[in-house]
Every structure is written in C-alpha cells, then in structure tokens.
Amino acid sequence: MCYEKFVRPILFKIDPERIHDIALFWGGVFGKFWLTRKVIRSLYYYKNEKLNISINGINFDNPVGLAAGFDKNAVLMNVLPDLGFGFEEVGSITGEKCEGNAKPRIFRLPKDQALAVNYGLCNLGAETISKRLSNRKFRFPLGINIARANNEDIVMDVDKGIEDYIKAYNFMKDIGDFIVINISCPNTPDKRAFSLPSNFSRLMGEFNKFKITKPCFIKLKPDYPKRELDELIEISYKYKFITGFVISNLTKDRKGLKSSDKELENVEGSISGMPIKERSDEIIKYVYRKTKGKKVIIGVGGIFNAEDAYRKIRNGASLVQLITGMIYKGPKIVKDINKGLVNLLEKDNFKSIKEAIGVDV
C-alpha cells in the first residue's frame, strides 16, 4: 500500500525505460553485497514448505518467478532470491547483439494496469552474456530465454533467424537450469514468425540435432487460433526435448482497453498485464487439457495477487511468472502472493502446491 500510494505516483512521472534501467542498476549493486541482500531479505523474503515444488529434477522454493523481458542481460540473479522469487527467466537473449527498436519503447497504461512494450528484443547478445555467466552458481533455478535477433537482415530471413537461435543456444546451453525458446515475439512479420507452425517445425528440427538434456519450454503468444495452437502442440510431441510451454507472451490485440484512443495515439508495442489475464488463463487450461497434463506449463500474464497466481495453477500451470504486476504493486508483491498461496492451499485442504495443479480442468 505504501508503494502504491506514495512511491508509484513519483515513479510514474518518470520515463518508464529510465526507471527500468535504474532498477536494473541498483538491483545489480544491491546483489553484490551480503549486507544489502540481508536487509532486502528481512523485508521481502517468505518461505513455506507447502510452496516447494520439483519440476523435472529442478527444485523450486516457491512457484513464483520473474518473467523474461525484465532482466534482459542477466544482472539481477544475486538479488532476486532475497526479494522472494522462486526462480527467474533471463532474456530474451539473441545470437547477435540486438539494439532493439527506437525509443520511446515502453509505455504505461494505468487505466488498464498494463504496459505497452516495444523493446524489440534489445540485449547484449549471447556471446557477451555467456562470458559473464559461465561457471557461475546461482541461488535459485535460472531459465535462459533465447530468441532470434530483431536485426533487419535476420528478421526478414527464416534461415538466418534459425541460425541466430542456434547461435544463442550454443553460447547459453551450459548456463542455468532450463531453456525457453521464445517463438512469440510480437514484432515479427507473420510469414517469418516462428510461431507459424511450418516455421516452428523447421526450427525444432534444427534443435533436435542437439542432445538437449535440460528441460526445454516453448514460449507461446496469447493470440493463436485454436487450429494453429493444436498444430503446435502436435509438433511438440514429435520432439522429446520439449518439456512444456510458457503461456503467454504479450498480445497485439488492443480491443477492450480502458485507455482512450487519444491516450493510445502515440503508444507503440504489444500489451502486457491485466488485459491478457483471462486469455492467458484460457490457453493454460486448454493446453493442459489437450496434453492431459503431460506437458509442464509456466503461466504468465496478469498476475497481480495470490488469487491470480492460484487460478493459473488450478488451470494447469506448475509455475507462474510476473513483471507488470510488480511494476504496479511494488516489490512486496512476491511475498504477498506466496503468503496468499499458502492461505488458499490451506483453505482448500491441499498439503502442497503440486496438489492444486490442474484441479479446475
């Protein structure tokens, strides 16, 4: 409440990308020192054994993670466990360094509790990031989200796109605990997007040439027609290395937004946050039912409280992730969600979070 009433109004007067950069800088600084980590931990950390969950041999203290898109260049791993996160997904990381789109490229939509994001996959590139992370041990499970660079020569050529994915994978494959292949960046022309089943199949065929031993997830968009989604699920069964799906990425659809046409006039990018909550929930439930729970689902989109996270879990998600909720609710959101999840589990007489997965499907 203190954050929402006093801190957020000040932060929201400043350019959102500048605030993002400041958060990354100080998060990296605070994570370097034992004393600052201890202070942060005393304020935000919460632990309860009912939230422990093991996924494909990876142990998570709780199911709440930071989604890809916030920590693009992987600088926050030291501080996030003390903020209460159970895991993190860094990136997206591309093979080639990617400058991303022109600024401004992130916009707040307070009436919708949303963001419009148009970063364009900006990151330092897999080679640079891998050099910094190689041979490091992390205090919680780390996911590596890889994508295809948004550079013009790559984005317009499917073959070059595949090469960039593979380059990113080769540099990052020995880092972290699981891999996420992001096929759902909303900035890609449709005929060249890897969310298109034909292109997705080609990409998976190339990844299948490697002996991928880590859990590997595919990040989906929320805008699939059911027919295309069914095709992607069917293709995923052909490749044993695919563990499951991250559901979902941002949406291009602006229907139903509370922000006025005038407020949206100069806003570029796709939408995160509350507007995609329901469609994310629907796709999670659909995929869980379609795969009969055999594919692990990480649920993302519109998580602002424990009830939002719990609904995704009951719909079939084993883990959940957030970004926009933290921006609107503040850093205490993770502690509040985890405490709330324990209360909800106890109310439903579940002994662990795993018992709640998919019970509403």
Protein backbone atom coordinates (compact mmCIF):
# COMPACT_ATOMS: atom_id res chain seq x y z
CA MET A 1 0.00 0.00 0.00
CA CYS A 2 2.87 2.37 0.81
CA TYR A 3 4.37 1.71 -2.62
CA GLU A 4 1.07 2.22 -4.45
CA LYS A 5 0.15 5.35 -2.53
CA PHE A 6 3.47 7.17 -2.26
CA VAL A 7 6.25 5.59 -4.36
CA ARG A 8 4.44 4.63 -7.56
CA PRO A 9 2.99 8.12 -8.25
CA ILE A 10 6.54 9.52 -8.20
CA LEU A 11 7.99 6.74 -10.36
CA PHE A 12 5.16 7.04 -12.87
CA LYS A 13 6.12 10.67 -13.54
CA ILE A 14 9.47 9.49 -14.93
CA ASP A 15 10.10 7.80 -18.29
CA PRO A 16 9.42 4.08 -17.78
CA GLU A 17 12.58 2.87 -19.53
CA ARG A 18 14.68 5.15 -17.33
CA ILE A 19 13.04 3.66 -14.22
CA HIS A 20 13.67 0.18 -15.63
CA ASP A 21 17.36 0.99 -16.15
CA ILE A 22 17.65 2.42 -12.63
CA ALA A 23 16.04 -0.70 -11.15
CA LEU A 24 18.48 -2.93 -13.04
CA PHE A 25 21.47 -0.86 -11.95
CA TRP A 26 20.62 -0.76 -8.25
CA GLY A 27 19.40 -4.34 -8.26
CA GLY A 28 22.79 -5.38 -9.59
CA VAL A 29 24.59 -3.26 -6.99
CA PHE A 30 22.50 -4.48 -4.04
CA GLY A 31 23.00 -8.07 -5.14
CA LYS A 32 26.78 -7.78 -4.84
CA PHE A 33 26.85 -7.22 -1.09
CA TRP A 34 25.87 -9.58 1.71
CA LEU A 35 24.59 -6.77 3.95
CA THR A 36 22.23 -5.23 1.37
CA ARG A 37 20.95 -8.68 0.43
CA LYS A 38 20.29 -9.41 4.11
CA VAL A 39 18.33 -6.17 4.55
CA ILE A 40 16.24 -6.88 1.47
CA ARG A 41 15.68 -10.45 2.62
CA SER A 42 14.42 -9.26 6.01
CA LEU A 43 11.78 -7.14 4.25
CA TYR A 44 10.62 -9.34 1.38
CA TYR A 45 11.53 -12.99 1.86
CA TYR A 46 8.91 -15.57 2.75
CA LYS A 47 9.29 -19.33 2.89
CA ASN A 48 6.80 -22.15 3.45
CA GLU A 49 7.36 -25.81 2.63
CA LYS A 50 3.89 -26.07 1.11
CA LEU A 51 5.19 -23.97 -1.79
CA ASN A 52 8.15 -26.25 -2.56
CA ILE A 53 7.86 -27.98 -5.92
CA SER A 54 10.14 -30.13 -8.05
CA ILE A 55 9.86 -29.94 -11.85
CA ASN A 56 11.93 -32.36 -13.93
CA GLY A 57 14.51 -32.65 -11.18
CA ILE A 58 14.72 -28.89 -10.52
CA ASN A 59 13.75 -27.83 -7.00
CA PHE A 60 11.89 -24.55 -6.56
CA ASP A 61 11.36 -22.99 -3.12
CA ASN A 62 8.16 -21.43 -4.44
CA PRO A 63 6.40 -21.28 -7.82
CA VAL A 64 6.66 -17.51 -8.40
CA GLY A 65 9.30 -16.33 -10.88
CA LEU A 66 10.34 -13.19 -12.71
CA ALA A 67 9.37 -13.47 -16.37
CA ALA A 68 11.71 -12.87 -19.27
CA GLY A 69 11.71 -9.31 -20.58
CA PHE A 70 12.74 -7.50 -17.41
CA ASP A 71 16.28 -8.78 -16.81
CA LYS A 72 17.31 -8.96 -20.47
CA ASN A 73 21.06 -9.01 -19.86
CA ALA A 74 21.01 -11.15 -16.71
CA VAL A 75 22.18 -8.83 -13.93
CA LEU A 76 19.65 -9.49 -11.14
CA MET A 77 20.27 -13.14 -10.20
CA ASN A 78 22.00 -12.27 -6.93
CA VAL A 79 19.23 -10.10 -5.50
CA LEU A 80 16.01 -11.75 -6.73
CA PRO A 81 16.09 -14.72 -4.30
CA ASP A 82 16.10 -12.19 -1.43
CA LEU A 83 13.07 -10.45 -2.94
CA GLY A 84 11.30 -13.78 -2.56
CA PHE A 85 11.32 -15.04 -6.14
CA GLY A 86 11.47 -18.80 -6.56
CA PHE A 87 13.23 -18.56 -9.92
CA GLU A 88 13.99 -16.25 -12.83
CA GLU A 89 13.90 -16.37 -16.60
CA VAL A 90 16.51 -14.05 -18.12
CA GLY A 91 16.47 -12.64 -21.64
CA SER A 92 15.35 -12.87 -24.30
CA ILE A 93 18.95 -13.46 -25.36
CA THR A 94 19.70 -13.50 -29.08
CA GLY A 95 22.64 -14.84 -31.05
CA GLU A 96 23.64 -11.44 -32.38
CA LYS A 97 23.64 -8.31 -30.24
CA CYS A 98 20.33 -6.52 -30.79
CA GLU A 99 19.80 -2.78 -30.30
CA GLY A 100 16.03 -3.15 -30.35
CA ASN A 101 13.51 -0.58 -31.53
CA ALA A 102 13.77 3.20 -31.37
CA LYS A 103 12.84 4.95 -28.12
CA PRO A 104 10.38 5.51 -26.58
CA ARG A 105 9.62 1.79 -26.48
CA ILE A 106 7.75 1.20 -23.25
CA PHE A 107 4.53 2.91 -22.20
CA ARG A 108 2.39 2.72 -19.06
CA LEU A 109 -1.37 2.29 -19.36
CA PRO A 110 -2.55 2.88 -15.77
CA LYS A 111 -6.28 2.67 -16.54
CA ASP A 112 -5.68 -0.88 -17.77
CA GLN A 113 -2.97 -1.84 -15.24
CA ALA A 114 -0.88 -2.65 -18.29
CA LEU A 115 2.22 -1.81 -20.25
CA ALA A 116 2.74 -1.42 -23.97
CA VAL A 117 6.16 -2.90 -24.74
CA ASN A 118 8.13 -2.31 -27.93
CA TYR A 119 11.70 -3.10 -26.86
CA GLY A 120 12.36 -5.26 -29.92
CA LEU A 121 14.49 -7.88 -28.15
CA CYS A 122 17.30 -5.47 -27.23
CA ASN A 123 20.14 -7.31 -25.46
CA LEU A 124 23.93 -7.55 -25.49
CA GLY A 125 23.95 -10.85 -27.38
CA ALA A 126 24.64 -14.40 -26.29
CA GLU A 127 28.43 -14.28 -26.52
CA THR A 128 28.78 -11.28 -24.20
CA ILE A 129 26.22 -12.51 -21.68
CA SER A 130 27.58 -16.07 -21.64
CA LYS A 131 31.10 -14.86 -20.81
CA ARG A 132 29.77 -13.12 -17.72
CA LEU A 133 27.64 -16.05 -16.55
CA SER A 134 29.82 -19.04 -17.40
CA ASN A 135 30.85 -21.26 -14.46
CA ARG A 136 28.71 -19.29 -12.02
CA LYS A 137 26.44 -20.91 -9.47
CA PHE A 138 23.04 -19.39 -8.81
CA ARG A 139 20.98 -19.35 -5.62
CA PHE A 140 17.76 -20.36 -7.33
CA PRO A 141 16.74 -22.03 -10.62
CA LEU A 142 17.60 -19.93 -13.64
CA GLY A 143 15.88 -20.14 -17.01
CA ILE A 144 17.58 -18.95 -20.20
CA ASN A 145 15.16 -17.45 -22.73
CA ILE A 146 16.60 -17.44 -26.24
CA ALA A 147 15.15 -15.75 -29.31
CA ARG A 148 16.02 -14.59 -32.79
CA ALA A 149 17.53 -11.09 -33.06
CA ASN A 150 15.29 -8.31 -34.35
CA ASN A 151 18.04 -7.02 -36.67
CA GLU A 152 16.61 -6.33 -40.12
CA ASP A 153 18.78 -8.80 -42.05
CA ILE A 154 17.86 -11.59 -39.62
CA VAL A 155 14.18 -10.84 -39.05
CA MET A 156 13.41 -10.91 -42.77
CA ASP A 157 15.01 -14.30 -43.43
CA VAL A 158 13.78 -17.53 -41.85
CA ASP A 159 17.10 -19.33 -42.39
CA LYS A 160 19.08 -16.52 -40.78
CA GLY A 161 16.57 -16.50 -37.95
CA ILE A 162 17.18 -20.18 -37.29
CA GLU A 163 20.94 -19.57 -37.37
CA ASP A 164 20.56 -16.85 -34.75
CA TYR A 165 18.51 -19.10 -32.45
CA ILE A 166 21.15 -21.82 -32.74
CA LYS A 167 23.96 -19.35 -32.09
CA ALA A 168 22.22 -18.17 -28.93
CA TYR A 169 21.67 -21.76 -27.82
CA ASN A 170 25.29 -22.77 -28.37
CA PHE A 171 26.58 -19.92 -26.22
CA MET A 172 23.96 -20.35 -23.45
CA LYS A 173 23.38 -24.12 -23.35
CA ASP A 174 25.65 -24.80 -20.35
CA ILE A 175 24.26 -21.94 -18.25
CA GLY A 176 21.24 -22.13 -15.97
CA ASP A 177 18.75 -24.89 -15.25
CA PHE A 178 16.25 -24.77 -18.10
CA ILE A 179 15.83 -23.29 -21.56
CA VAL A 180 12.93 -21.32 -23.04
CA ILE A 181 12.71 -20.93 -26.80
CA ASN A 182 10.76 -17.75 -27.47
CA ILE A 183 8.79 -18.14 -30.70
CA SER A 184 6.25 -15.46 -29.85
CA CYS A 185 7.93 -12.08 -30.12
CA PRO A 186 5.10 -9.84 -31.37
CA ASN A 187 7.41 -7.68 -33.52
CA THR A 188 7.98 -10.31 -36.23
CA PRO A 189 6.19 -10.26 -39.63
CA ASP A 190 3.69 -13.13 -39.57
CA LYS A 191 5.05 -15.09 -42.53
CA ARG A 192 8.51 -15.15 -40.98
CA ALA A 193 7.43 -15.69 -37.38
CA PHE A 194 8.45 -18.92 -35.70
CA SER A 195 5.03 -19.07 -34.07
CA LEU A 196 3.83 -20.11 -37.53
CA PRO A 197 3.58 -23.92 -37.36
CA SER A 198 5.61 -24.54 -40.53
CA ASN A 199 8.48 -22.33 -39.34
CA PHE A 200 8.22 -23.72 -35.82
CA SER A 201 8.57 -27.24 -37.16
CA ARG A 202 11.72 -26.27 -39.09
CA LEU A 203 13.20 -24.63 -36.00
CA MET A 204 12.50 -27.61 -33.78
CA GLY A 205 14.05 -29.89 -36.39
CA GLU A 206 17.29 -27.94 -36.07
CA PHE A 207 17.24 -28.02 -32.26
CA ASN A 208 16.58 -31.74 -32.42
CA LYS A 209 20.08 -32.20 -33.85
CA PHE A 210 21.49 -31.33 -30.43
CA LYS A 211 21.39 -33.56 -27.37
CA ILE A 212 19.31 -31.23 -25.21
CA THR A 213 19.28 -32.65 -21.69
CA LYS A 214 17.85 -29.68 -19.80
CA PRO A 215 14.12 -29.06 -19.57
CA CYS A 216 13.11 -27.00 -22.61
CA PHE A 217 9.99 -24.85 -22.86
CA ILE A 218 8.34 -23.08 -25.80
CA LYS A 219 7.01 -19.58 -25.15
CA LEU A 220 3.63 -19.07 -26.83
CA LYS A 221 1.63 -15.97 -27.71
CA PRO A 222 -1.95 -15.47 -26.43
CA ASP A 223 -3.45 -14.82 -29.88
CA TYR A 224 -3.40 -18.25 -31.51
CA PRO A 225 -6.46 -19.56 -33.32
CA LYS A 226 -7.21 -22.97 -31.78
CA ARG A 227 -6.28 -24.70 -35.05
CA GLU A 228 -2.73 -23.27 -35.01
CA LEU A 229 -2.34 -23.96 -31.31
CA ASP A 230 -3.34 -27.59 -31.91
CA GLU A 231 -0.72 -27.82 -34.68
CA LEU A 232 2.00 -26.50 -32.38
CA ILE A 233 1.06 -28.96 -29.65
CA GLU A 234 1.09 -31.80 -32.16
CA ILE A 235 4.52 -30.74 -33.43
CA SER A 236 5.84 -30.54 -29.86
CA TYR A 237 5.05 -34.23 -29.33
CA LYS A 238 7.47 -35.12 -32.14
CA TYR A 239 10.40 -33.75 -30.17
CA LYS A 240 11.12 -35.37 -26.81
CA PHE A 241 13.29 -32.48 -25.65
CA ILE A 242 10.23 -30.19 -25.36
CA THR A 243 9.18 -30.27 -21.71
CA GLY A 244 6.30 -27.85 -21.94
CA PHE A 245 5.16 -24.29 -22.59
CA VAL A 246 5.38 -20.77 -21.18
CA ILE A 247 1.90 -19.26 -21.57
CA SER A 248 1.77 -16.50 -22.58
CA ASN A 249 3.67 -13.64 -24.18
CA LEU A 250 2.30 -10.17 -24.98
CA THR A 251 -0.72 -9.50 -27.18
CA LYS A 252 -1.11 -7.20 -30.18
CA ASP A 253 -4.86 -7.02 -29.57
CA ARG A 254 -5.99 -3.70 -28.08
CA LYS A 255 -9.70 -4.41 -28.05
CA GLY A 256 -11.39 -3.68 -24.76
CA LEU A 257 -8.69 -1.42 -23.34
CA LYS A 258 -9.92 1.29 -20.96
CA SER A 259 -7.30 3.74 -22.21
CA SER A 260 -8.80 6.16 -24.73
CA ASP A 261 -7.86 6.33 -28.40
CA LYS A 262 -6.17 9.65 -27.65
CA GLU A 263 -4.10 8.10 -24.86
CA LEU A 264 -3.08 5.28 -27.20
CA GLU A 265 -2.38 7.52 -30.18
CA ASN A 266 1.43 7.52 -29.86
CA VAL A 267 1.76 4.25 -27.98
CA GLU A 268 3.76 1.55 -29.79
CA GLY A 269 4.09 -2.10 -28.89
CA SER A 270 2.16 -5.04 -27.53
CA ILE A 271 0.20 -5.26 -24.31
CA SER A 272 1.13 -6.92 -21.02
CA GLY A 273 -0.58 -7.08 -17.66
CA MET A 274 -4.23 -7.22 -16.71
CA PRO A 275 -5.68 -7.20 -20.28
CA ILE A 276 -4.16 -10.60 -21.04
CA LYS A 277 -5.06 -12.27 -17.74
CA GLU A 278 -8.20 -14.04 -18.93
CA ARG A 279 -6.87 -15.17 -22.31
CA SER A 280 -3.72 -16.49 -20.63
CA ASP A 281 -5.88 -18.44 -18.17
CA GLU A 282 -7.95 -19.85 -21.02
CA ILE A 283 -4.94 -21.03 -23.03
CA ILE A 284 -3.31 -22.58 -19.95
CA LYS A 285 -6.46 -24.58 -19.28
CA TYR A 286 -6.81 -25.53 -22.96
CA VAL A 287 -3.21 -26.73 -23.32
CA TYR A 288 -3.31 -28.60 -20.00
CA ARG A 289 -6.48 -30.39 -21.08
CA LYS A 290 -5.19 -31.02 -24.61
CA THR A 291 -1.91 -32.50 -23.36
CA LYS A 292 -3.61 -34.31 -20.44
CA GLY A 293 -1.15 -32.65 -18.09
CA LYS A 294 1.84 -34.32 -19.73
CA LYS A 295 3.45 -31.01 -20.70
CA VAL A 296 4.64 -28.69 -17.94
CA ILE A 297 3.12 -25.21 -18.11
CA ILE A 298 4.57 -21.95 -16.77
CA GLY A 299 1.75 -19.42 -16.51
CA VAL A 300 2.30 -15.73 -17.28
CA GLY A 301 0.00 -12.77 -17.80
CA GLY A 302 -1.98 -10.53 -15.49
CA ILE A 303 -0.75 -11.81 -12.12
CA PHE A 304 -1.35 -9.07 -9.56
CA ASN A 305 -2.19 -11.10 -6.44
CA ALA A 306 -2.30 -14.61 -4.99
CA GLU A 307 -5.73 -15.31 -6.46
CA ASP A 308 -4.43 -14.61 -9.97
CA ALA A 309 -1.49 -16.97 -9.47
CA TYR A 310 -3.65 -19.65 -7.85
CA ARG A 311 -6.15 -19.58 -10.71
CA LYS A 312 -3.38 -20.23 -13.22
CA ILE A 313 -2.11 -23.11 -11.08
CA ARG A 314 -5.58 -24.62 -10.75
CA ASN A 315 -5.92 -24.26 -14.54
CA GLY A 316 -2.77 -26.32 -15.09
CA ALA A 317 0.33 -24.17 -14.51
CA SER A 318 3.06 -25.71 -12.37
CA LEU A 319 4.91 -22.40 -12.06
CA VAL A 320 3.93 -18.76 -12.63
CA GLN A 321 5.77 -15.61 -13.63
CA LEU A 322 5.15 -11.87 -13.49
CA ILE A 323 6.59 -8.48 -14.40
CA THR A 324 3.79 -5.94 -14.84
CA GLY A 325 2.19 -6.80 -11.50
CA MET A 326 5.46 -5.92 -9.75
CA ILE A 327 5.61 -2.57 -11.55
CA TYR A 328 2.10 -1.67 -10.39
CA LYS A 329 2.15 -3.31 -6.94
CA GLY A 330 5.80 -2.96 -5.95
CA PRO A 331 8.50 -5.43 -4.83
CA LYS A 332 6.41 -6.75 -1.94
CA ILE A 333 4.08 -8.46 -4.42
CA VAL A 334 6.07 -11.71 -4.40
CA LYS A 335 5.87 -12.07 -0.62
CA ASP A 336 2.16 -11.23 -0.69
CA ILE A 337 1.48 -13.79 -3.42
CA ASN A 338 3.41 -16.56 -1.68
CA LYS A 339 1.71 -15.92 1.67
CA GLY A 340 -1.63 -15.74 -0.09
CA LEU A 341 -0.99 -19.02 -1.90
CA VAL A 342 -0.37 -20.78 1.40
CA ASN A 343 -3.67 -19.42 2.76
CA LEU A 344 -5.51 -20.59 -0.36
CA LEU A 345 -3.92 -24.05 -0.20
CA GLU A 346 -4.89 -24.42 3.45
CA LYS A 347 -8.42 -23.24 2.72
CA ASP A 348 -8.72 -25.98 0.07
CA ASN A 349 -7.03 -28.59 2.30
CA PHE A 350 -4.06 -29.06 -0.02
CA LYS A 351 -0.80 -30.09 1.60
CA SER A 352 1.36 -28.74 -1.20
CA ILE A 353 1.17 -26.50 -4.26
CA LYS A 354 1.58 -29.55 -6.51
CA GLU A 355 -1.79 -30.93 -5.39
CA ALA A 356 -3.54 -27.82 -6.80
CA ILE A 357 -2.15 -28.09 -10.33
CA GLY A 358 -4.93 -28.57 -12.87
CA VAL A 359 -7.73 -29.28 -10.39
CA ASP A 360 -10.12 -26.98 -12.28
CA VAL A 361 -9.56 -28.67 -15.64
